[in-house]
């Protein structure tokens, strides 16, 4: 009886072992027609427990009517939303 249970256990362990997967190779591709987004500041970072949101901004300067004064406003350029793991990986890459 012990022999049968031992054999059954060995068969179960062999069935549970998954075959090895081949290594994943990722090729980088360039898209020259891809529009680029320019940002000169990070306006806001926010973590809600599930995602990390990073708002990037760009500062636009207006020529003022009065000499010597400059008006500027910061506009949103893009928002990046990441999982917590992806945000940590981004920090490690930077």
PDB file of N, CA and C in Angstrom:
ATOM      1  N   UNK A   1       0.825  -1.185   0.000  1.00  0.00           N
ATOM      2  CA  UNK A   1       0.000   0.000   0.000  1.00  0.00           C
ATOM      3  C   UNK A   1       0.874   1.254   0.000  1.00  0.00           C
ATOM      4  N   UNK A   2       1.966   1.240   0.783  1.00  0.00           N
ATOM      5  CA  UNK A   2       2.878   2.382   0.830  1.00  0.00           C
ATOM      6  C   UNK A   2       3.537   2.591  -0.509  1.00  0.00           C
ATOM      7  N   UNK A   3       3.815   1.460  -1.221  1.00  0.00           N
ATOM      8  CA  UNK A   3       4.422   1.569  -2.546  1.00  0.00           C
ATOM      9  C   UNK A   3       3.492   2.288  -3.520  1.00  0.00           C
ATOM     10  N   UNK A   4       2.205   1.979  -3.457  1.00  0.00           N
ATOM     11  CA  UNK A   4       1.238   2.601  -4.361  1.00  0.00           C
ATOM     12  C   UNK A   4       1.104   4.092  -4.084  1.00  0.00           C
ATOM     13  N   UNK A   5       1.080   4.453  -2.811  1.00  0.00           N
ATOM     14  CA  UNK A   5       0.960   5.875  -2.492  1.00  0.00           C
ATOM     15  C   UNK A   5       2.231   6.629  -2.878  1.00  0.00           C
ATOM     16  N   UNK A   6       3.399   5.955  -2.736  1.00  0.00           N
ATOM     17  CA  UNK A   6       4.665   6.584  -3.141  1.00  0.00           C
ATOM     18  C   UNK A   6       4.671   6.816  -4.652  1.00  0.00           C
ATOM     19  N   UNK A   7       4.232   5.803  -5.421  1.00  0.00           N
ATOM     20  CA  UNK A   7       4.200   5.935  -6.875  1.00  0.00           C
ATOM     21  C   UNK A   7       3.213   7.023  -7.303  1.00  0.00           C
ATOM     22  N   UNK A   8       2.056   7.063  -6.654  1.00  0.00           N
ATOM     23  CA  UNK A   8       1.060   8.081  -6.980  1.00  0.00           C
ATOM     24  C   UNK A   8       1.609   9.470  -6.695  1.00  0.00           C
ATOM     25  N   UNK A   9       2.349   9.605  -5.590  1.00  0.00           N
ATOM     26  CA  UNK A   9       2.926  10.898  -5.243  1.00  0.00           C
ATOM     27  C   UNK A   9       3.971  11.315  -6.270  1.00  0.00           C
ATOM     28  N   UNK A  10       4.804  10.368  -6.710  1.00  0.00           N
ATOM     29  CA  UNK A  10       5.828  10.670  -7.710  1.00  0.00           C
ATOM     30  C   UNK A  10       5.188  11.084  -9.039  1.00  0.00           C
ATOM     31  N   UNK A  11       4.103  10.370  -9.419  1.00  0.00           N
ATOM     32  CA  UNK A  11       3.410  10.723 -10.660  1.00  0.00           C
ATOM     33  C   UNK A  11       2.791  12.113 -10.571  1.00  0.00           C
ATOM     34  N   UNK A  12       2.244  12.436  -9.412  1.00  0.00           N
ATOM     35  CA  UNK A  12       1.652  13.763  -9.214  1.00  0.00           C
ATOM     36  C   UNK A  12       2.716  14.855  -9.304  1.00  0.00           C
ATOM     37  N   UNK A  13       3.890  14.605  -8.701  1.00  0.00           N
ATOM     38  CA  UNK A  13       4.973  15.594  -8.745  1.00  0.00           C
ATOM     39  C   UNK A  13       5.479  15.785 -10.164  1.00  0.00           C
ATOM     40  N   UNK A  14       5.584  14.674 -10.931  1.00  0.00           N
ATOM     41  CA  UNK A  14       6.052  14.789 -12.314  1.00  0.00           C
ATOM     42  C   UNK A  14       5.052  15.565 -13.163  1.00  0.00           C
ATOM     43  N   UNK A  15       3.772  15.330 -12.926  1.00  0.00           N
ATOM     44  CA  UNK A  15       2.737  16.037 -13.685  1.00  0.00           C
ATOM     45  C   UNK A  15       2.709  17.522 -13.325  1.00  0.00           C
ATOM     46  N   UNK A  16       3.050  17.850 -12.076  1.00  0.00           N
ATOM     47  CA  UNK A  16       3.015  19.238 -11.630  1.00  0.00           C
ATOM     48  C   UNK A  16       4.170  20.049 -12.183  1.00  0.00           C
ATOM     49  N   UNK A  17       5.278  19.369 -12.525  1.00  0.00           N
ATOM     50  CA  UNK A  17       6.434  20.083 -13.066  1.00  0.00           C
ATOM     51  C   UNK A  17       6.127  20.527 -14.495  1.00  0.00           C
ATOM     52  N   UNK A  18       6.151  21.816 -14.726  1.00  0.00           N
ATOM     53  CA  UNK A  18       5.885  22.344 -16.061  1.00  0.00           C
ATOM     54  C   UNK A  18       7.159  22.267 -16.885  1.00  0.00           C
ATOM     55  N   UNK A  19       7.029  22.059 -18.185  1.00  0.00           N
ATOM     56  CA  UNK A  19       8.236  22.054 -19.024  1.00  0.00           C
ATOM     57  C   UNK A  19       8.870  23.441 -19.029  1.00  0.00           C
ATOM     58  N   UNK A  20      10.171  23.479 -19.180  1.00  0.00           N
ATOM     59  CA  UNK A  20      10.865  24.765 -19.184  1.00  0.00           C
ATOM     60  C   UNK A  20      10.474  25.560 -20.422  1.00  0.00           C
ATOM     61  N   UNK A  21      10.264  26.843 -20.212  1.00  0.00           N
ATOM     62  CA  UNK A  21       9.907  27.730 -21.317  1.00  0.00           C
ATOM     63  C   UNK A  21      11.182  28.298 -21.923  1.00  0.00           C
ATOM     64  N   UNK A  22      11.170  28.519 -23.228  1.00  0.00           N
ATOM     65  CA  UNK A  22      12.338  29.144 -23.837  1.00  0.00           C
ATOM     66  C   UNK A  22      12.481  30.594 -23.363  1.00  0.00           C
ATOM     67  N   UNK A  23      13.694  31.092 -23.390  1.00  0.00           N
ATOM     68  CA  UNK A  23      13.948  32.471 -22.967  1.00  0.00           C
ATOM     69  C   UNK A  23      13.237  33.432 -23.908  1.00  0.00           C
ATOM     70  N   UNK A  24      12.665  34.478 -23.352  1.00  0.00           N
ATOM     71  CA  UNK A  24      11.952  35.479 -24.131  1.00  0.00           C
ATOM     72  C   UNK A  24      12.940  36.513 -24.650  1.00  0.00           C
ATOM     73  N   UNK A  25      12.912  36.755 -25.936  1.00  0.00           N
ATOM     74  CA  UNK A  25      13.762  37.764 -26.554  1.00  0.00           C
ATOM     75  C   UNK A  25      12.873  38.882 -27.058  1.00  0.00           C
ATOM     76  N   UNK A  26      13.158  40.103 -26.620  1.00  0.00           N
ATOM     77  CA  UNK A  26      12.378  41.264 -27.048  1.00  0.00           C
ATOM     78  C   UNK A  26      13.267  42.153 -27.910  1.00  0.00           C
ATOM     79  N   UNK A  27      12.807  42.426 -29.138  1.00  0.00           N
ATOM     80  CA  UNK A  27      13.541  43.319 -30.026  1.00  0.00           C
ATOM     81  C   UNK A  27      12.996  44.724 -29.886  1.00  0.00           C
ATOM     82  N   UNK A  28      13.870  45.698 -29.881  1.00  0.00           N
ATOM     83  CA  UNK A  28      13.441  47.100 -29.856  1.00  0.00           C
ATOM     84  C   UNK A  28      13.216  47.553 -31.295  1.00  0.00           C
ATOM     85  N   UNK A  29      12.132  48.280 -31.501  1.00  0.00           N
ATOM     86  CA  UNK A  29      11.821  48.814 -32.820  1.00  0.00           C
ATOM     87  C   UNK A  29      11.706  50.328 -32.716  1.00  0.00           C
ATOM     88  N   UNK A  30      12.141  51.021 -33.735  1.00  0.00           N
ATOM     89  CA  UNK A  30      12.052  52.474 -33.763  1.00  0.00           C
ATOM     90  C   UNK A  30      10.894  52.876 -34.665  1.00  0.00           C
ATOM     91  N   UNK A  31      10.131  53.856 -34.224  1.00  0.00           N
ATOM     92  CA  UNK A  31       9.049  54.412 -35.035  1.00  0.00           C
ATOM     93  C   UNK A  31       9.346  55.884 -35.274  1.00  0.00           C
ATOM     94  N   UNK A  32      10.030  56.208 -36.365  1.00  0.00           N
ATOM     95  CA  UNK A  32      10.392  57.607 -36.623  1.00  0.00           C
ATOM     96  C   UNK A  32       9.186  58.528 -36.743  1.00  0.00           C
ATOM     97  N   UNK A  33       8.033  57.996 -37.133  1.00  0.00           N
ATOM     98  CA  UNK A  33       6.845  58.834 -37.290  1.00  0.00           C
ATOM     99  C   UNK A  33       6.127  59.084 -35.976  1.00  0.00           C
ATOM    100  N   UNK A  34       6.606  58.505 -34.881  1.00  0.00           N
ATOM    101  CA  UNK A  34       5.970  58.673 -33.574  1.00  0.00           C
ATOM    102  C   UNK A  34       6.112  60.117 -33.098  1.00  0.00           C
ATOM    103  N   UNK A  35       4.999  60.697 -32.719  1.00  0.00           N
ATOM    104  CA  UNK A  35       5.029  62.077 -32.216  1.00  0.00           C
ATOM    105  C   UNK A  35       5.691  62.098 -30.843  1.00  0.00           C
ATOM    106  N   UNK A  36       6.492  63.096 -30.603  1.00  0.00           N
ATOM    107  CA  UNK A  36       7.164  63.231 -29.321  1.00  0.00           C
ATOM    108  C   UNK A  36       6.428  64.231 -28.453  1.00  0.00           C
ATOM    109  N   UNK A  37       6.519  64.024 -27.143  1.00  0.00           N
ATOM    110  CA  UNK A  37       5.926  64.940 -26.186  1.00  0.00           C
ATOM    111  C   UNK A  37       7.038  65.570 -25.387  1.00  0.00           C
ATOM    112  N   UNK A  38       7.058  66.889 -25.349  1.00  0.00           N
ATOM    113  CA  UNK A  38       8.075  67.622 -24.596  1.00  0.00           C
ATOM    114  C   UNK A  38       7.478  68.082 -23.277  1.00  0.00           C
ATOM    115  N   UNK A  39       8.204  67.878 -22.210  1.00  0.00           N
ATOM    116  CA  UNK A  39       7.802  68.379 -20.899  1.00  0.00           C
ATOM    117  C   UNK A  39       9.039  68.938 -20.215  1.00  0.00           C
ATOM    118  N   UNK A  40       8.873  70.048 -19.500  1.00  0.00           N
ATOM    119  CA  UNK A  40      10.009  70.632 -18.795  1.00  0.00           C
ATOM    120  C   UNK A  40       9.840  70.592 -17.280  1.00  0.00           C
ATOM    121  N   UNK A  41       8.775  69.936 -16.818  1.00  0.00           N
ATOM    122  CA  UNK A  41       8.565  69.859 -15.373  1.00  0.00           C
ATOM    123  C   UNK A  41       7.641  68.691 -15.033  1.00  0.00           C
ATOM    124  N   UNK A  42       7.742  68.262 -13.788  1.00  0.00           N
ATOM    125  CA  UNK A  42       6.785  67.301 -13.259  1.00  0.00           C
ATOM    126  C   UNK A  42       5.870  68.096 -12.348  1.00  0.00           C
ATOM    127  N   UNK A  43       4.609  68.178 -12.734  1.00  0.00           N
ATOM    128  CA  UNK A  43       3.653  68.996 -11.977  1.00  0.00           C
ATOM    129  C   UNK A  43       3.125  68.273 -10.752  1.00  0.00           C
ATOM    130  N   UNK A  44       2.842  66.998 -10.901  1.00  0.00           N
ATOM    131  CA  UNK A  44       2.161  66.287  -9.823  1.00  0.00           C
ATOM    132  C   UNK A  44       2.524  64.819  -9.877  1.00  0.00           C
ATOM    133  N   UNK A  45       2.781  64.232  -8.736  1.00  0.00           N
ATOM    134  CA  UNK A  45       2.872  62.781  -8.615  1.00  0.00           C
ATOM    135  C   UNK A  45       1.851  62.364  -7.573  1.00  0.00           C
ATOM    136  N   UNK A  46       1.151  61.278  -7.860  1.00  0.00           N
ATOM    137  CA  UNK A  46       0.066  60.861  -6.986  1.00  0.00           C
ATOM    138  C   UNK A  46       0.015  59.349  -6.949  1.00  0.00           C
ATOM    139  N   UNK A  47      -0.092  58.780  -5.750  1.00  0.00           N
ATOM    140  CA  UNK A  47      -0.222  57.333  -5.577  1.00  0.00           C
ATOM    141  C   UNK A  47      -1.522  57.061  -4.846  1.00  0.00           C
ATOM    142  N   UNK A  48      -2.398  56.294  -5.478  1.00  0.00           N
ATOM    143  CA  UNK A  48      -3.696  56.016  -4.866  1.00  0.00           C
ATOM    144  C   UNK A  48      -3.792  54.618  -4.265  1.00  0.00           C
ATOM    145  N   UNK A  49      -2.670  53.935  -4.151  1.00  0.00           N
ATOM    146  CA  UNK A  49      -2.655  52.588  -3.605  1.00  0.00           C
ATOM    147  C   UNK A  49      -2.617  51.523  -4.686  1.00  0.00           C
ATOM    148  N   UNK A  50      -3.039  51.865  -5.893  1.00  0.00           N
ATOM    149  CA  UNK A  50      -3.048  50.917  -7.013  1.00  0.00           C
ATOM    150  C   UNK A  50      -2.179  51.380  -8.180  1.00  0.00           C
ATOM    151  N   UNK A  51      -2.123  52.688  -8.403  1.00  0.00           N
ATOM    152  CA  UNK A  51      -1.361  53.223  -9.528  1.00  0.00           C
ATOM    153  C   UNK A  51      -0.567  54.449  -9.090  1.00  0.00           C
ATOM    154  N   UNK A  52       0.513  54.704  -9.804  1.00  0.00           N
ATOM    155  CA  UNK A  52       1.304  55.917  -9.615  1.00  0.00           C
ATOM    156  C   UNK A  52       1.039  56.787 -10.838  1.00  0.00           C
ATOM    157  N   UNK A  53       0.601  58.009 -10.594  1.00  0.00           N
ATOM    158  CA  UNK A  53       0.316  58.944 -11.687  1.00  0.00           C
ATOM    159  C   UNK A  53       1.334  60.068 -11.647  1.00  0.00           C
ATOM    160  N   UNK A  54       1.913  60.332 -12.799  1.00  0.00           N
ATOM    161  CA  UNK A  54       2.894  61.412 -12.920  1.00  0.00           C
ATOM    162  C   UNK A  54       2.396  62.346 -14.011  1.00  0.00           C
ATOM    163  N   UNK A  55       2.119  63.584 -13.641  1.00  0.00           N
ATOM    164  CA  UNK A  55       1.678  64.593 -14.609  1.00  0.00           C
ATOM    165  C   UNK A  55       2.885  65.440 -15.004  1.00  0.00           C
ATOM    166  N   UNK A  56       3.157  65.487 -16.287  1.00  0.00           N
ATOM    167  CA  UNK A  56       4.250  66.293 -16.818  1.00  0.00           C
ATOM    168  C   UNK A  56       3.667  67.583 -17.376  1.00  0.00           C
ATOM    169  N   UNK A  57       4.400  68.673 -17.208  1.00  0.00           N
ATOM    170  CA  UNK A  57       3.932  69.963 -17.690  1.00  0.00           C
ATOM    171  C   UNK A  57       4.960  70.641 -18.576  1.00  0.00           C
ATOM    172  N   UNK A  58       4.487  71.617 -19.303  1.00  0.00           N
ATOM    173  CA  UNK A  58       5.356  72.442 -20.129  1.00  0.00           C
ATOM    174  C   UNK A  58       5.021  73.895 -19.840  1.00  0.00           C
ATOM    175  N   UNK A  59       6.049  74.711 -19.714  1.00  0.00           N
ATOM    176  CA  UNK A  59       5.862  76.128 -19.416  1.00  0.00           C
ATOM    177  C   UNK A  59       5.869  76.907 -20.722  1.00  0.00           C
ATOM    178  N   UNK A  60       4.833  77.692 -20.921  1.00  0.00           N
ATOM    179  CA  UNK A  60       4.718  78.545 -22.112  1.00  0.00           C
ATOM    180  C   UNK A  60       4.807  80.003 -21.671  1.00  0.00           C
ATOM    181  N   UNK A  61       5.641  80.738 -22.343  1.00  0.00           N
ATOM    182  CA  UNK A  61       5.843  82.146 -22.013  1.00  0.00           C
ATOM    183  C   UNK A  61       5.073  83.017 -22.990  1.00  0.00           C
ATOM    184  N   UNK A  62       4.390  84.014 -22.463  1.00  0.00           N
ATOM    185  CA  UNK A  62       3.678  84.997 -23.271  1.00  0.00           C
ATOM    186  C   UNK A  62       4.479  86.288 -23.250  1.00  0.00           C
ATOM    187  N   UNK A  63       4.573  86.910 -24.383  1.00  0.00           N
ATOM    188  CA  UNK A  63       5.241  88.201 -24.424  1.00  0.00           C
ATOM    189  C   UNK A  63       4.288  89.244 -23.845  1.00  0.00           C
ATOM    190  N   UNK A  64       4.733  89.915 -22.825  1.00  0.00           N
ATOM    191  CA  UNK A  64       3.881  90.900 -22.151  1.00  0.00           C
ATOM    192  C   UNK A  64       3.892  92.218 -22.920  1.00  0.00           C
ATOM    193  N   UNK A  65       2.839  92.977 -22.722  1.00  0.00           N
ATOM    194  CA  UNK A  65       2.736  94.290 -23.356  1.00  0.00           C
ATOM    195  C   UNK A  65       3.697  95.280 -22.720  1.00  0.00           C
ATOM    196  N   UNK A  66       3.973  95.117 -21.425  1.00  0.00           N
ATOM    197  CA  UNK A  66       4.860  96.051 -20.725  1.00  0.00           C
ATOM    198  C   UNK A  66       6.300  95.540 -20.799  1.00  0.00           C
ATOM    199  N   UNK A  67       7.223  96.407 -21.133  1.00  0.00           N
ATOM    200  CA  UNK A  67       8.623  95.982 -21.177  1.00  0.00           C
ATOM    201  C   UNK A  67       9.094  95.551 -19.790  1.00  0.00           C
ATOM    202  N   UNK A  68       9.881  94.505 -19.757  1.00  0.00           N
ATOM    203  CA  UNK A  68      10.452  94.059 -18.499  1.00  0.00           C
ATOM    204  C   UNK A  68       9.591  93.055 -17.741  1.00  0.00           C
ATOM    205  N   UNK A  69       8.391  92.778 -18.193  1.00  0.00           N
ATOM    206  CA  UNK A  69       7.564  91.781 -17.499  1.00  0.00           C
ATOM    207  C   UNK A  69       7.281  90.612 -18.436  1.00  0.00           C
ATOM    208  N   UNK A  70       7.247  89.445 -17.858  1.00  0.00           N
ATOM    209  CA  UNK A  70       7.010  88.232 -18.630  1.00  0.00           C
ATOM    210  C   UNK A  70       5.893  87.454 -17.943  1.00  0.00           C
ATOM    211  N   UNK A  71       4.931  87.029 -18.705  1.00  0.00           N
ATOM    212  CA  UNK A  71       3.867  86.172 -18.192  1.00  0.00           C
ATOM    213  C   UNK A  71       4.106  84.756 -18.688  1.00  0.00           C
ATOM    214  N   UNK A  72       3.829  83.806 -17.829  1.00  0.00           N
ATOM    215  CA  UNK A  72       4.004  82.403 -18.207  1.00  0.00           C
ATOM    216  C   UNK A  72       2.876  81.585 -17.604  1.00  0.00           C
ATOM    217  N   UNK A  73       2.598  80.482 -18.221  1.00  0.00           N
ATOM    218  CA  UNK A  73       1.641  79.540 -17.661  1.00  0.00           C
ATOM    219  C   UNK A  73       2.150  78.128 -17.913  1.00  0.00           C
ATOM    220  N   UNK A  74       1.825  77.248 -16.984  1.00  0.00           N
ATOM    221  CA  UNK A  74       2.232  75.860 -17.116  1.00  0.00           C
ATOM    222  C   UNK A  74       1.024  75.054 -17.565  1.00  0.00           C
ATOM    223  N   UNK A  75       1.202  74.324 -18.662  1.00  0.00           N
ATOM    224  CA  UNK A  75       0.131  73.526 -19.246  1.00  0.00           C
ATOM    225  C   UNK A  75       0.467  72.044 -19.114  1.00  0.00           C
ATOM    226  N   UNK A  76      -0.536  71.201 -18.970  1.00  0.00           N
ATOM    227  CA  UNK A  76      -0.249  69.769 -18.929  1.00  0.00           C
ATOM    228  C   UNK A  76       0.220  69.289 -20.300  1.00  0.00           C
ATOM    229  N   UNK A  77       1.270  68.470 -20.295  1.00  0.00           N
ATOM    230  CA  UNK A  77       1.795  67.932 -21.546  1.00  0.00           C
ATOM    231  C   UNK A  77       1.400  66.468 -21.719  1.00  0.00           C
ATOM    232  N   UNK A  78       1.492  65.694 -20.651  1.00  0.00           N
ATOM    233  CA  UNK A  78       1.081  64.294 -20.702  1.00  0.00           C
ATOM    234  C   UNK A  78       0.982  63.737 -19.290  1.00  0.00           C
ATOM    235  N   UNK A  79       0.350  62.594 -19.177  1.00  0.00           N
ATOM    236  CA  UNK A  79       0.209  61.921 -17.887  1.00  0.00           C
ATOM    237  C   UNK A  79       0.681  60.486 -18.065  1.00  0.00           C
ATOM    238  N   UNK A  80       1.516  60.044 -17.147  1.00  0.00           N
ATOM    239  CA  UNK A  80       2.026  58.681 -17.158  1.00  0.00           C
ATOM    240  C   UNK A  80       1.424  57.956 -15.965  1.00  0.00           C
ATOM    241  N   UNK A  81       0.764  56.828 -16.210  1.00  0.00           N
ATOM    242  CA  UNK A  81       0.147  56.048 -15.147  1.00  0.00           C
ATOM    243  C   UNK A  81       0.831  54.687 -15.115  1.00  0.00           C
ATOM    244  N   UNK A  82       1.370  54.332 -13.950  1.00  0.00           N
ATOM    245  CA  UNK A  82       2.146  53.100 -13.799  1.00  0.00           C
ATOM    246  C   UNK A  82       1.648  52.275 -12.626  1.00  0.00           C
ATOM    247  N   UNK A  83       1.898  50.983 -12.690  1.00  0.00           N
ATOM    248  CA  UNK A  83       1.688  50.138 -11.520  1.00  0.00           C
ATOM    249  C   UNK A  83       2.811  50.447 -10.536  1.00  0.00           C
ATOM    250  N   UNK A  84       2.643  50.128  -9.258  1.00  0.00           N
ATOM    251  CA  UNK A  84       3.724  50.378  -8.304  1.00  0.00           C
ATOM    252  C   UNK A  84       5.042  49.692  -8.704  1.00  0.00           C
ATOM    253  N   UNK A  85       4.962  48.455  -9.197  1.00  0.00           N
ATOM    254  CA  UNK A  85       6.176  47.751  -9.622  1.00  0.00           C
ATOM    255  C   UNK A  85       6.855  48.467 -10.789  1.00  0.00           C
ATOM    256  N   UNK A  86       6.062  48.958 -11.734  1.00  0.00           N
ATOM    257  CA  UNK A  86       6.629  49.675 -12.877  1.00  0.00           C
ATOM    258  C   UNK A  86       7.261  50.991 -12.431  1.00  0.00           C
ATOM    259  N   UNK A  87       6.663  51.659 -11.449  1.00  0.00           N
ATOM    260  CA  UNK A  87       7.231  52.910 -10.941  1.00  0.00           C
ATOM    261  C   UNK A  87       8.571  52.656 -10.266  1.00  0.00           C
ATOM    262  N   UNK A  88       8.676  51.573  -9.514  1.00  0.00           N
ATOM    263  CA  UNK A  88       9.948  51.216  -8.881  1.00  0.00           C
ATOM    264  C   UNK A  88      10.985  50.906  -9.947  1.00  0.00           C
ATOM    265  N   UNK A  89      10.592  50.178 -10.983  1.00  0.00           N
ATOM    266  CA  UNK A  89      11.522  49.859 -12.064  1.00  0.00           C
ATOM    267  C   UNK A  89      11.971  51.130 -12.793  1.00  0.00           C
ATOM    268  N   UNK A  90      11.052  52.075 -12.994  1.00  0.00           N
ATOM    269  CA  UNK A  90      11.416  53.356 -13.605  1.00  0.00           C
ATOM    270  C   UNK A  90      12.457  54.079 -12.755  1.00  0.00           C
ATOM    271  N   UNK A  91      12.234  54.107 -11.455  1.00  0.00           N
ATOM    272  CA  UNK A  91      13.191  54.765 -10.549  1.00  0.00           C
ATOM    273  C   UNK A  91      14.548  54.078 -10.619  1.00  0.00           C
ATOM    274  N   UNK A  92      14.563  52.756 -10.712  1.00  0.00           N
ATOM    275  CA  UNK A  92      15.832  52.019 -10.805  1.00  0.00           C
ATOM    276  C   UNK A  92      16.548  52.317 -12.119  1.00  0.00           C
ATOM    277  N   UNK A  93      15.797  52.499 -13.192  1.00  0.00           N
ATOM    278  CA  UNK A  93      16.394  52.784 -14.492  1.00  0.00           C
ATOM    279  C   UNK A  93      16.928  54.208 -14.583  1.00  0.00           C
ATOM    280  N   UNK A  94      16.284  55.116 -13.857  1.00  0.00           N
ATOM    281  CA  UNK A  94      16.737  56.509 -13.885  1.00  0.00           C
ATOM    282  C   UNK A  94      17.979  56.626 -13.050  1.00  0.00           C
TER     283      UNK A  94
END
